[in-house]
All heavy atoms as atom14 arrays in JSON, in Angstrom:
{
  "sequence": "EEDILDTCFELDKNGYIIGTKADDSFYNLSLTTEAISELENQFRE",
  "atom14_mask": [
    [1, 1, 1, 1, 1, 1, 1, 1, 1, 0, 0, 0, 0, 0],
    [1, 1, 1, 1, 1, 1, 1, 1, 1, 0, 0, 0, 0, 0],
    [1, 1, 1, 1, 1, 1, 1, 1, 0, 0, 0, 0, 0, 0],
    [1, 1, 1, 1, 1, 1, 1, 1, 0, 0, 0, 0, 0, 0],
    [1, 1, 1, 1, 1, 1, 1, 1, 0, 0, 0, 0, 0, 0],
    [1, 1, 1, 1, 1, 1, 1, 1, 0, 0, 0, 0, 0, 0],
    [1, 1, 1, 1, 1, 1, 1, 0, 0, 0, 0, 0, 0, 0],
    [1, 1, 1, 1, 1, 1, 0, 0, 0, 0, 0, 0, 0, 0],
    [1, 1, 1, 1, 1, 1, 1, 1, 1, 1, 1, 0, 0, 0],
    [1, 1, 1, 1, 1, 1, 1, 1, 1, 0, 0, 0, 0, 0],
    [1, 1, 1, 1, 1, 1, 1, 1, 0, 0, 0, 0, 0, 0],
    [1, 1, 1, 1, 1, 1, 1, 1, 0, 0, 0, 0, 0, 0],
    [1, 1, 1, 1, 1, 1, 1, 1, 1, 0, 0, 0, 0, 0],
    [1, 1, 1, 1, 1, 1, 1, 1, 0, 0, 0, 0, 0, 0],
    [1, 1, 1, 1, 0, 0, 0, 0, 0, 0, 0, 0, 0, 0],
    [1, 1, 1, 1, 1, 1, 1, 1, 1, 1, 1, 1, 0, 0],
    [1, 1, 1, 1, 1, 1, 1, 1, 0, 0, 0, 0, 0, 0],
    [1, 1, 1, 1, 1, 1, 1, 1, 0, 0, 0, 0, 0, 0],
    [1, 1, 1, 1, 0, 0, 0, 0, 0, 0, 0, 0, 0, 0],
    [1, 1, 1, 1, 1, 1, 1, 0, 0, 0, 0, 0, 0, 0],
    [1, 1, 1, 1, 1, 1, 1, 1, 1, 0, 0, 0, 0, 0],
    [1, 1, 1, 1, 1, 0, 0, 0, 0, 0, 0, 0, 0, 0],
    [1, 1, 1, 1, 1, 1, 1, 1, 0, 0, 0, 0, 0, 0],
    [1, 1, 1, 1, 1, 1, 1, 1, 0, 0, 0, 0, 0, 0],
    [1, 1, 1, 1, 1, 1, 0, 0, 0, 0, 0, 0, 0, 0],
    [1, 1, 1, 1, 1, 1, 1, 1, 1, 1, 1, 0, 0, 0],
    [1, 1, 1, 1, 1, 1, 1, 1, 1, 1, 1, 1, 0, 0],
    [1, 1, 1, 1, 1, 1, 1, 1, 0, 0, 0, 0, 0, 0],
    [1, 1, 1, 1, 1, 1, 1, 1, 0, 0, 0, 0, 0, 0],
    [1, 1, 1, 1, 1, 1, 0, 0, 0, 0, 0, 0, 0, 0],
    [1, 1, 1, 1, 1, 1, 1, 1, 0, 0, 0, 0, 0, 0],
    [1, 1, 1, 1, 1, 1, 1, 0, 0, 0, 0, 0, 0, 0],
    [1, 1, 1, 1, 1, 1, 1, 0, 0, 0, 0, 0, 0, 0],
    [1, 1, 1, 1, 1, 1, 1, 1, 1, 0, 0, 0, 0, 0],
    [1, 1, 1, 1, 1, 0, 0, 0, 0, 0, 0, 0, 0, 0],
    [1, 1, 1, 1, 1, 1, 1, 1, 0, 0, 0, 0, 0, 0],
    [1, 1, 1, 1, 1, 1, 0, 0, 0, 0, 0, 0, 0, 0],
    [1, 1, 1, 1, 1, 1, 1, 1, 1, 0, 0, 0, 0, 0],
    [1, 1, 1, 1, 1, 1, 1, 1, 0, 0, 0, 0, 0, 0],
    [1, 1, 1, 1, 1, 1, 1, 1, 1, 0, 0, 0, 0, 0],
    [1, 1, 1, 1, 1, 1, 1, 1, 0, 0, 0, 0, 0, 0],
    [1, 1, 1, 1, 1, 1, 1, 1, 1, 0, 0, 0, 0, 0],
    [1, 1, 1, 1, 1, 1, 1, 1, 1, 1, 1, 0, 0, 0],
    [1, 1, 1, 1, 1, 1, 1, 1, 1, 1, 1, 0, 0, 0],
    [1, 1, 1, 1, 1, 1, 1, 1, 1, 0, 0, 0, 0, 0]
  ],
  "atom14_positions": [
    [[-20.51, -1.71, -18.49], [-21.44, -2.85, -18.69], [-20.87, -3.83, -19.82], [-21.02, -4.97, -19.75], [-22.8, -2.31, -19.06], [-23.51, -1.73, -17.88], [-24.95, -1.28, -18.17], [-25.46, -1.77, -19.27], [-25.44, -0.51, -17.44], [0.0, 0.0, 0.0], [0.0, 0.0, 0.0], [0.0, 0.0, 0.0], [0.0, 0.0, 0.0], [0.0, 0.0, 0.0]],
    [[-20.21, -3.2, -20.77], [-19.65, -4.03, -21.9], [-18.55, -4.9, -21.4], [-18.44, -6.07, -21.78], [-19.11, -3.05, -22.99], [-20.15, -2.27, -23.73], [-20.57, -1.02, -23.03], [-19.98, -0.63, -22.04], [-21.65, -0.44, -23.43], [0.0, 0.0, 0.0], [0.0, 0.0, 0.0], [0.0, 0.0, 0.0], [0.0, 0.0, 0.0], [0.0, 0.0, 0.0]],
    [[-17.74, -4.45, -20.42], [-16.61, -5.26, -19.94], [-17.2, -6.37, -19.05], [-16.77, -7.48, -19.07], [-15.65, -4.41, -19.13], [-14.72, -3.63, -20.02], [-14.69, -3.89, -21.23], [-13.99, -2.77, -19.52], [0.0, 0.0, 0.0], [0.0, 0.0, 0.0], [0.0, 0.0, 0.0], [0.0, 0.0, 0.0], [0.0, 0.0, 0.0], [0.0, 0.0, 0.0]],
    [[-18.22, -6.03, -18.25], [-18.88, -7.03, -17.39], [-19.52, -8.1, -18.28], [-19.3, -9.31, -18.11], [-19.93, -6.42, -16.46], [-19.29, -5.49, -15.43], [-20.7, -7.47, -15.72], [-20.24, -4.61, -14.74], [0.0, 0.0, 0.0], [0.0, 0.0, 0.0], [0.0, 0.0, 0.0], [0.0, 0.0, 0.0], [0.0, 0.0, 0.0], [0.0, 0.0, 0.0]],
    [[-20.22, -7.77, -19.33], [-20.82, -8.66, -20.23], [-19.8, -9.51, -20.94], [-19.94, -10.8, -20.95], [-21.64, -7.93, -21.32], [-22.35, -8.78, -22.32], [-23.39, -9.71, -21.7], [-23.08, -7.89, -23.37], [0.0, 0.0, 0.0], [0.0, 0.0, 0.0], [0.0, 0.0, 0.0], [0.0, 0.0, 0.0], [0.0, 0.0, 0.0], [0.0, 0.0, 0.0]],
    [[-18.71, -8.96, -21.4], [-17.68, -9.74, -22.1], [-17.0, -10.76, -21.09], [-16.87, -11.95, -21.5], [-16.57, -8.85, -22.59], [-15.51, -9.67, -23.38], [-15.83, -10.04, -24.46], [-14.37, -9.69, -22.91], [0.0, 0.0, 0.0], [0.0, 0.0, 0.0], [0.0, 0.0, 0.0], [0.0, 0.0, 0.0], [0.0, 0.0, 0.0], [0.0, 0.0, 0.0]],
    [[-16.84, -10.34, -19.89], [-16.29, -11.21, -18.82], [-17.28, -12.31, -18.44], [-16.94, -13.49, -18.24], [-15.9, -10.46, -17.59], [-14.98, -9.42, -18.0], [-15.12, -11.35, -16.61], [0.0, 0.0, 0.0], [0.0, 0.0, 0.0], [0.0, 0.0, 0.0], [0.0, 0.0, 0.0], [0.0, 0.0, 0.0], [0.0, 0.0, 0.0], [0.0, 0.0, 0.0]],
    [[-18.6, -11.98, -18.44], [-19.58, -12.98, -18.22], [-19.63, -14.0, -19.32], [-19.79, -15.25, -19.03], [-20.98, -12.31, -17.96], [-21.18, -11.53, -16.37], [0.0, 0.0, 0.0], [0.0, 0.0, 0.0], [0.0, 0.0, 0.0], [0.0, 0.0, 0.0], [0.0, 0.0, 0.0], [0.0, 0.0, 0.0], [0.0, 0.0, 0.0], [0.0, 0.0, 0.0]],
    [[-19.48, -13.62, -20.55], [-19.45, -14.6, -21.63], [-18.25, -15.55, -21.41], [-18.3, -16.75, -21.71], [-19.3, -13.9, -23.01], [-20.58, -13.35, -23.53], [-20.69, -12.01, -23.9], [-21.69, -14.19, -23.63], [-21.88, -11.55, -24.37], [-22.93, -13.65, -24.18], [-23.0, -12.41, -24.5], [0.0, 0.0, 0.0], [0.0, 0.0, 0.0], [0.0, 0.0, 0.0]],
    [[-17.1, -15.02, -20.97], [-15.93, -15.94, -20.72], [-16.24, -16.86, -19.56], [-15.94, -18.06, -19.68], [-14.74, -15.01, -20.33], [-13.48, -15.87, -19.93], [-12.34, -14.96, -19.49], [-12.28, -13.8, -19.59], [-11.3, -15.58, -19.09], [0.0, 0.0, 0.0], [0.0, 0.0, 0.0], [0.0, 0.0, 0.0], [0.0, 0.0, 0.0], [0.0, 0.0, 0.0]],
    [[-16.85, -16.39, -18.5], [-17.2, -17.25, -17.38], [-18.21, -18.33, -17.84], [-18.13, -19.51, -17.4], [-17.71, -16.44, -16.18], [-16.73, -15.64, -15.49], [-17.43, -14.7, -14.44], [-15.68, -16.46, -14.81], [0.0, 0.0, 0.0], [0.0, 0.0, 0.0], [0.0, 0.0, 0.0], [0.0, 0.0, 0.0], [0.0, 0.0, 0.0], [0.0, 0.0, 0.0]],
    [[-19.15, -17.95, -18.66], [-20.23, -18.88, -19.19], [-19.5, -19.97, -20.03], [-19.84, -21.1, -19.9], [-21.23, -18.1, -19.96], [-22.28, -18.96, -20.63], [-22.96, -19.74, -19.93], [-22.3, -19.06, -21.87], [0.0, 0.0, 0.0], [0.0, 0.0, 0.0], [0.0, 0.0, 0.0], [0.0, 0.0, 0.0], [0.0, 0.0, 0.0], [0.0, 0.0, 0.0]],
    [[-18.7, -19.53, -20.88], [-17.95, -20.47, -21.78], [-17.11, -21.5, -20.98], [-17.05, -22.65, -21.45], [-17.06, -19.65, -22.78], [-16.34, -20.5, -23.75], [-15.38, -19.7, -24.58], [-13.99, -19.83, -23.98], [-12.92, -19.17, -24.68], [0.0, 0.0, 0.0], [0.0, 0.0, 0.0], [0.0, 0.0, 0.0], [0.0, 0.0, 0.0], [0.0, 0.0, 0.0]],
    [[-16.7, -21.1, -19.86], [-15.87, -22.03, -18.97], [-16.7, -22.73, -17.93], [-16.11, -23.41, -17.1], [-14.7, -21.23, -18.44], [-13.65, -20.98, -19.43], [-12.78, -21.83, -19.78], [-13.61, -19.75, -19.98], [0.0, 0.0, 0.0], [0.0, 0.0, 0.0], [0.0, 0.0, 0.0], [0.0, 0.0, 0.0], [0.0, 0.0, 0.0], [0.0, 0.0, 0.0]],
    [[-17.96, -22.48, -17.92], [-18.9, -23.29, -17.03], [-18.94, -22.78, -15.62], [-19.52, -23.47, -14.77], [0.0, 0.0, 0.0], [0.0, 0.0, 0.0], [0.0, 0.0, 0.0], [0.0, 0.0, 0.0], [0.0, 0.0, 0.0], [0.0, 0.0, 0.0], [0.0, 0.0, 0.0], [0.0, 0.0, 0.0], [0.0, 0.0, 0.0], [0.0, 0.0, 0.0]],
    [[-18.55, -21.51, -15.37], [-18.6, -20.92, -14.09], [-19.88, -20.21, -13.79], [-20.36, -20.09, -12.59], [-17.47, -19.98, -13.84], [-16.2, -20.75, -13.73], [-15.29, -20.69, -14.88], [-15.79, -21.43, -12.61], [-14.05, -21.39, -14.76], [-14.55, -22.06, -12.57], [-13.71, -22.05, -13.63], [-12.53, -22.71, -13.54], [0.0, 0.0, 0.0], [0.0, 0.0, 0.0]],
    [[-20.65, -19.77, -14.78], [-21.91, -19.12, -14.6], [-22.86, -19.68, -15.68], [-22.47, -20.18, -16.71], [-21.9, -17.56, -14.67], [-21.44, -17.1, -16.05], [-20.98, -16.97, -13.61], [-21.55, -15.61, -16.25], [0.0, 0.0, 0.0], [0.0, 0.0, 0.0], [0.0, 0.0, 0.0], [0.0, 0.0, 0.0], [0.0, 0.0, 0.0], [0.0, 0.0, 0.0]],
    [[-24.17, -19.52, -15.43], [-25.25, -19.83, -16.36], [-26.23, -18.63, -16.36], [-26.34, -17.89, -15.44], [-25.95, -21.16, -16.09], [-26.56, -21.14, -14.67], [-25.07, -22.37, -16.28], [-27.41, -22.31, -14.32], [0.0, 0.0, 0.0], [0.0, 0.0, 0.0], [0.0, 0.0, 0.0], [0.0, 0.0, 0.0], [0.0, 0.0, 0.0], [0.0, 0.0, 0.0]],
    [[-26.9, -18.59, -17.51], [-27.89, -17.53, -17.57], [-28.59, -17.51, -18.99], [-28.14, -18.24, -19.86], [0.0, 0.0, 0.0], [0.0, 0.0, 0.0], [0.0, 0.0, 0.0], [0.0, 0.0, 0.0], [0.0, 0.0, 0.0], [0.0, 0.0, 0.0], [0.0, 0.0, 0.0], [0.0, 0.0, 0.0], [0.0, 0.0, 0.0], [0.0, 0.0, 0.0]],
    [[-29.58, -16.7, -19.07], [-30.3, -16.59, -20.31], [-29.65, -15.47, -21.05], [-29.51, -14.4, -20.61], [-31.78, -16.29, -20.08], [-32.33, -17.27, -19.24], [-32.51, -16.11, -21.32], [0.0, 0.0, 0.0], [0.0, 0.0, 0.0], [0.0, 0.0, 0.0], [0.0, 0.0, 0.0], [0.0, 0.0, 0.0], [0.0, 0.0, 0.0], [0.0, 0.0, 0.0]],
    [[-29.24, -15.74, -22.33], [-28.6, -14.77, -23.18], [-29.64, -14.21, -24.13], [-30.25, -14.96, -24.87], [-27.44, -15.37, -23.93], [-26.34, -15.78, -23.09], [-25.28, -16.63, -23.81], [-24.6, -17.61, -23.0], [-24.71, -18.95, -23.26], [0.0, 0.0, 0.0], [0.0, 0.0, 0.0], [0.0, 0.0, 0.0], [0.0, 0.0, 0.0], [0.0, 0.0, 0.0]],
    [[-29.91, -12.93, -24.04], [-30.89, -12.24, -24.9], [-30.53, -10.79, -25.03], [-30.04, -10.21, -24.11], [-32.25, -12.45, -24.46], [0.0, 0.0, 0.0], [0.0, 0.0, 0.0], [0.0, 0.0, 0.0], [0.0, 0.0, 0.0], [0.0, 0.0, 0.0], [0.0, 0.0, 0.0], [0.0, 0.0, 0.0], [0.0, 0.0, 0.0], [0.0, 0.0, 0.0]],
    [[-30.81, -10.18, -26.14], [-30.59, -8.79, -26.37], [-29.23, -8.36, -25.97], [-28.95, -7.32, -25.32], [-31.56, -7.95, -25.53], [-33.02, -8.2, -25.83], [-33.34, -8.52, -27.04], [-33.84, -8.26, -24.93], [0.0, 0.0, 0.0], [0.0, 0.0, 0.0], [0.0, 0.0, 0.0], [0.0, 0.0, 0.0], [0.0, 0.0, 0.0], [0.0, 0.0, 0.0]],
    [[-28.19, -9.14, -26.4], [-26.79, -8.89, -26.05], [-26.51, -8.68, -24.61], [-25.79, -7.81, -24.19], [-26.31, -7.66, -26.87], [-26.3, -7.84, -28.39], [-25.87, -9.03, -28.75], [-26.6, -7.0, -29.11], [0.0, 0.0, 0.0], [0.0, 0.0, 0.0], [0.0, 0.0, 0.0], [0.0, 0.0, 0.0], [0.0, 0.0, 0.0], [0.0, 0.0, 0.0]],
    [[-27.19, -9.52, -23.79], [-26.98, -9.34, -22.33], [-27.18, -10.77, -21.68], [-27.45, -11.76, -22.39], [-27.97, -8.34, -21.77], [-27.48, -8.02, -20.44], [0.0, 0.0, 0.0], [0.0, 0.0, 0.0], [0.0, 0.0, 0.0], [0.0, 0.0, 0.0], [0.0, 0.0, 0.0], [0.0, 0.0, 0.0], [0.0, 0.0, 0.0], [0.0, 0.0, 0.0]],
    [[-27.1, -10.85, -20.36], [-27.32, -12.0, -19.52], [-28.46, -11.72, -18.58], [-28.52, -10.67, -18.0], [-26.11, -12.47, -18.79], [-25.21, -13.45, -19.34], [-24.08, -13.09, -20.05], [-25.56, -14.73, -19.1], [-23.27, -14.06, -20.52], [-24.76, -15.76, -19.66], [-23.58, -15.36, -20.35], [0.0, 0.0, 0.0], [0.0, 0.0, 0.0], [0.0, 0.0, 0.0]],
    [[-29.34, -12.66, -18.42], [-30.46, -12.53, -17.5], [-30.52, -13.84, -16.72], [-29.91, -14.85, -17.14], [-31.82, -12.3, -18.2], [-31.85, -11.01, -19.09], [-31.52, -11.19, -20.42], [-32.12, -9.8, -18.51], [-31.55, -9.99, -21.17], [-32.13, -8.7, -19.27], [-31.83, -8.74, -20.68], [-31.79, -7.64, -21.41], [0.0, 0.0, 0.0], [0.0, 0.0, 0.0]],
    [[-31.09, -13.8, -15.51], [-31.09, -14.96, -14.67], [-29.69, -15.54, -14.44], [-29.55, -16.74, -14.5], [-32.08, -16.06, -15.22], [-33.45, -15.49, -15.43], [-33.99, -14.85, -14.55], [-34.05, -15.84, -16.56], [0.0, 0.0, 0.0], [0.0, 0.0, 0.0], [0.0, 0.0, 0.0], [0.0, 0.0, 0.0], [0.0, 0.0, 0.0], [0.0, 0.0, 0.0]],
    [[-28.83, -14.66, -14.2], [-27.36, -15.02, -14.09], [-27.08, -15.69, -12.73], [-27.43, -15.14, -11.69], [-26.59, -13.68, -14.2], [-25.12, -13.72, -14.19], [-24.59, -14.43, -15.43], [-24.53, -12.3, -14.18], [0.0, 0.0, 0.0], [0.0, 0.0, 0.0], [0.0, 0.0, 0.0], [0.0, 0.0, 0.0], [0.0, 0.0, 0.0], [0.0, 0.0, 0.0]],
    [[-26.48, -16.84, -12.74], [-26.2, -17.55, -11.52], [-24.82, -18.22, -11.6], [-24.34, -18.7, -12.67], [-27.21, -18.72, -11.31], [-28.45, -18.11, -11.04], [0.0, 0.0, 0.0], [0.0, 0.0, 0.0], [0.0, 0.0, 0.0], [0.0, 0.0, 0.0], [0.0, 0.0, 0.0], [0.0, 0.0, 0.0], [0.0, 0.0, 0.0], [0.0, 0.0, 0.0]],
    [[-24.17, -18.32, -10.43], [-22.97, -19.1, -10.33], [-23.4, -20.65, -10.51], [-24.51, -21.04, -10.04], [-22.32, -18.99, -8.96], [-21.62, -17.75, -8.62], [-21.24, -17.7, -7.17], [-20.34, -17.66, -9.52], [0.0, 0.0, 0.0], [0.0, 0.0, 0.0], [0.0, 0.0, 0.0], [0.0, 0.0, 0.0], [0.0, 0.0, 0.0], [0.0, 0.0, 0.0]],
    [[-22.61, -21.4, -11.12], [-22.88, -22.85, -11.23], [-22.38, -23.6, -9.98], [-21.52, -23.1, -9.23], [-22.19, -23.5, -12.42], [-20.75, -23.41, -12.27], [-22.61, -22.82, -13.74], [0.0, 0.0, 0.0], [0.0, 0.0, 0.0], [0.0, 0.0, 0.0], [0.0, 0.0, 0.0], [0.0, 0.0, 0.0], [0.0, 0.0, 0.0], [0.0, 0.0, 0.0]],
    [[-23.02, -24.73, -9.71], [-22.52, -25.49, -8.56], [-21.09, -25.98, -8.81], [-20.37, -26.21, -7.82], [-23.5, -26.63, -8.19], [-23.62, -27.45, -9.38], [-24.82, -26.16, -7.78], [0.0, 0.0, 0.0], [0.0, 0.0, 0.0], [0.0, 0.0, 0.0], [0.0, 0.0, 0.0], [0.0, 0.0, 0.0], [0.0, 0.0, 0.0], [0.0, 0.0, 0.0]],
    [[-20.75, -26.18, -10.05], [-19.34, -26.58, -10.35], [-18.39, -25.48, -9.98], [-17.29, -25.73, -9.49], [-19.19, -26.93, -11.87], [-19.93, -28.14, -12.27], [-21.45, -27.92, -12.55], [-21.92, -26.74, -12.53], [-22.14, -28.89, -12.92], [0.0, 0.0, 0.0], [0.0, 0.0, 0.0], [0.0, 0.0, 0.0], [0.0, 0.0, 0.0], [0.0, 0.0, 0.0]],
    [[-18.75, -24.22, -10.27], [-17.89, -23.07, -9.87], [-17.73, -23.02, -8.38], [-16.57, -22.82, -7.83], [-18.49, -21.81, -10.38], [0.0, 0.0, 0.0], [0.0, 0.0, 0.0], [0.0, 0.0, 0.0], [0.0, 0.0, 0.0], [0.0, 0.0, 0.0], [0.0, 0.0, 0.0], [0.0, 0.0, 0.0], [0.0, 0.0, 0.0], [0.0, 0.0, 0.0]],
    [[-18.81, -23.25, -7.63], [-18.79, -23.21, -6.19], [-17.93, -24.27, -5.68], [-17.07, -24.09, -4.72], [-20.19, -23.2, -5.55], [-20.85, -21.84, -5.91], [-20.15, -23.41, -4.06], [-22.39, -21.87, -5.66], [0.0, 0.0, 0.0], [0.0, 0.0, 0.0], [0.0, 0.0, 0.0], [0.0, 0.0, 0.0], [0.0, 0.0, 0.0], [0.0, 0.0, 0.0]],
    [[-18.09, -25.46, -6.23], [-17.25, -26.61, -5.81], [-15.72, -26.3, -6.02], [-14.94, -26.63, -5.11], [-17.71, -27.85, -6.6], [-16.85, -28.96, -6.36], [0.0, 0.0, 0.0], [0.0, 0.0, 0.0], [0.0, 0.0, 0.0], [0.0, 0.0, 0.0], [0.0, 0.0, 0.0], [0.0, 0.0, 0.0], [0.0, 0.0, 0.0], [0.0, 0.0, 0.0]],
    [[-15.45, -25.81, -7.22], [-13.98, -25.54, -7.45], [-13.47, -24.46, -6.52], [-12.36, -24.64, -5.97], [-13.83, -25.06, -8.89], [-12.36, -24.76, -9.26], [-12.12, -24.48, -10.71], [-12.94, -24.99, -11.59], [-11.21, -23.68, -10.94], [0.0, 0.0, 0.0], [0.0, 0.0, 0.0], [0.0, 0.0, 0.0], [0.0, 0.0, 0.0], [0.0, 0.0, 0.0]],
    [[-14.24, -23.49, -6.26], [-13.73, -22.4, -5.32], [-13.73, -22.93, -3.86], [-12.87, -22.53, -3.06], [-14.67, -21.23, -5.46], [-14.48, -20.47, -6.82], [-15.68, -19.54, -7.13], [-13.19, -19.69, -6.76], [0.0, 0.0, 0.0], [0.0, 0.0, 0.0], [0.0, 0.0, 0.0], [0.0, 0.0, 0.0], [0.0, 0.0, 0.0], [0.0, 0.0, 0.0]],
    [[-14.69, -23.84, -3.51], [-14.55, -24.42, -2.17], [-13.29, -25.21, -2.0], [-12.68, -25.2, -0.93], [-15.77, -25.35, -1.95], [-17.06, -24.68, -1.68], [-18.23, -25.62, -1.59], [-18.16, -26.76, -2.01], [-19.27, -25.13, -1.15], [0.0, 0.0, 0.0], [0.0, 0.0, 0.0], [0.0, 0.0, 0.0], [0.0, 0.0, 0.0], [0.0, 0.0, 0.0]],
    [[-12.88, -25.87, -3.07], [-11.55, -26.66, -3.03], [-10.43, -25.71, -2.94], [-9.39, -26.07, -2.41], [-11.55, -27.64, -4.14], [-12.43, -28.76, -4.01], [-12.7, -29.24, -2.89], [-13.09, -29.24, -5.05], [0.0, 0.0, 0.0], [0.0, 0.0, 0.0], [0.0, 0.0, 0.0], [0.0, 0.0, 0.0], [0.0, 0.0, 0.0], [0.0, 0.0, 0.0]],
    [[-10.48, -24.58, -3.58], [-9.39, -23.65, -3.6], [-9.29, -22.96, -2.24], [-8.16, -22.57, -1.79], [-9.53, -22.61, -4.68], [-8.31, -21.73, -4.87], [-8.32, -20.85, -6.06], [-9.05, -21.11, -7.01], [-7.47, -19.86, -6.09], [0.0, 0.0, 0.0], [0.0, 0.0, 0.0], [0.0, 0.0, 0.0], [0.0, 0.0, 0.0], [0.0, 0.0, 0.0]],
    [[-10.41, -22.55, -1.65], [-10.45, -21.79, -0.41], [-11.04, -22.73, 0.67], [-12.25, -22.82, 0.86], [-11.25, -20.55, -0.52], [-10.72, -19.56, -1.62], [-11.26, -19.58, -2.93], [-9.64, -18.78, -1.33], [-10.77, -18.72, -3.91], [-9.18, -17.93, -2.29], [-9.68, -17.87, -3.57], [0.0, 0.0, 0.0], [0.0, 0.0, 0.0], [0.0, 0.0, 0.0]],
    [[-10.2, -23.35, 1.38], [-10.56, -24.35, 2.38], [-10.41, -23.92, 3.83], [-10.23, -24.75, 4.83], [-9.75, -25.65, 2.18], [-10.01, -26.29, 0.89], [-9.13, -27.48, 0.76], [-9.59, -28.29, -0.43], [-9.52, -29.55, -0.43], [-9.05, -30.27, 0.54], [-9.93, -30.19, -1.52], [0.0, 0.0, 0.0], [0.0, 0.0, 0.0], [0.0, 0.0, 0.0]],
    [[-10.48, -22.63, 4.1], [-10.31, -22.2, 5.5], [-11.34, -22.81, 6.36], [-12.53, -23.05, 5.94], [-10.4, -20.65, 5.51], [-9.23, -19.91, 4.86], [-9.14, -20.09, 3.29], [-10.2, -20.44, 2.67], [-8.07, -19.91, 2.74], [0.0, 0.0, 0.0], [0.0, 0.0, 0.0], [0.0, 0.0, 0.0], [0.0, 0.0, 0.0], [0.0, 0.0, 0.0]]
  ]
}
């Protein structure tokens, strides 16, 4: 869980996910539409 949380903080910092940060965790965690857009452009099958 610690590694997942740390990686989520990295994704949040770079704008790929959003969520509520509380109690040293993430809640209401979602992909951002910007992340989806970037990945759609990378994977165009």
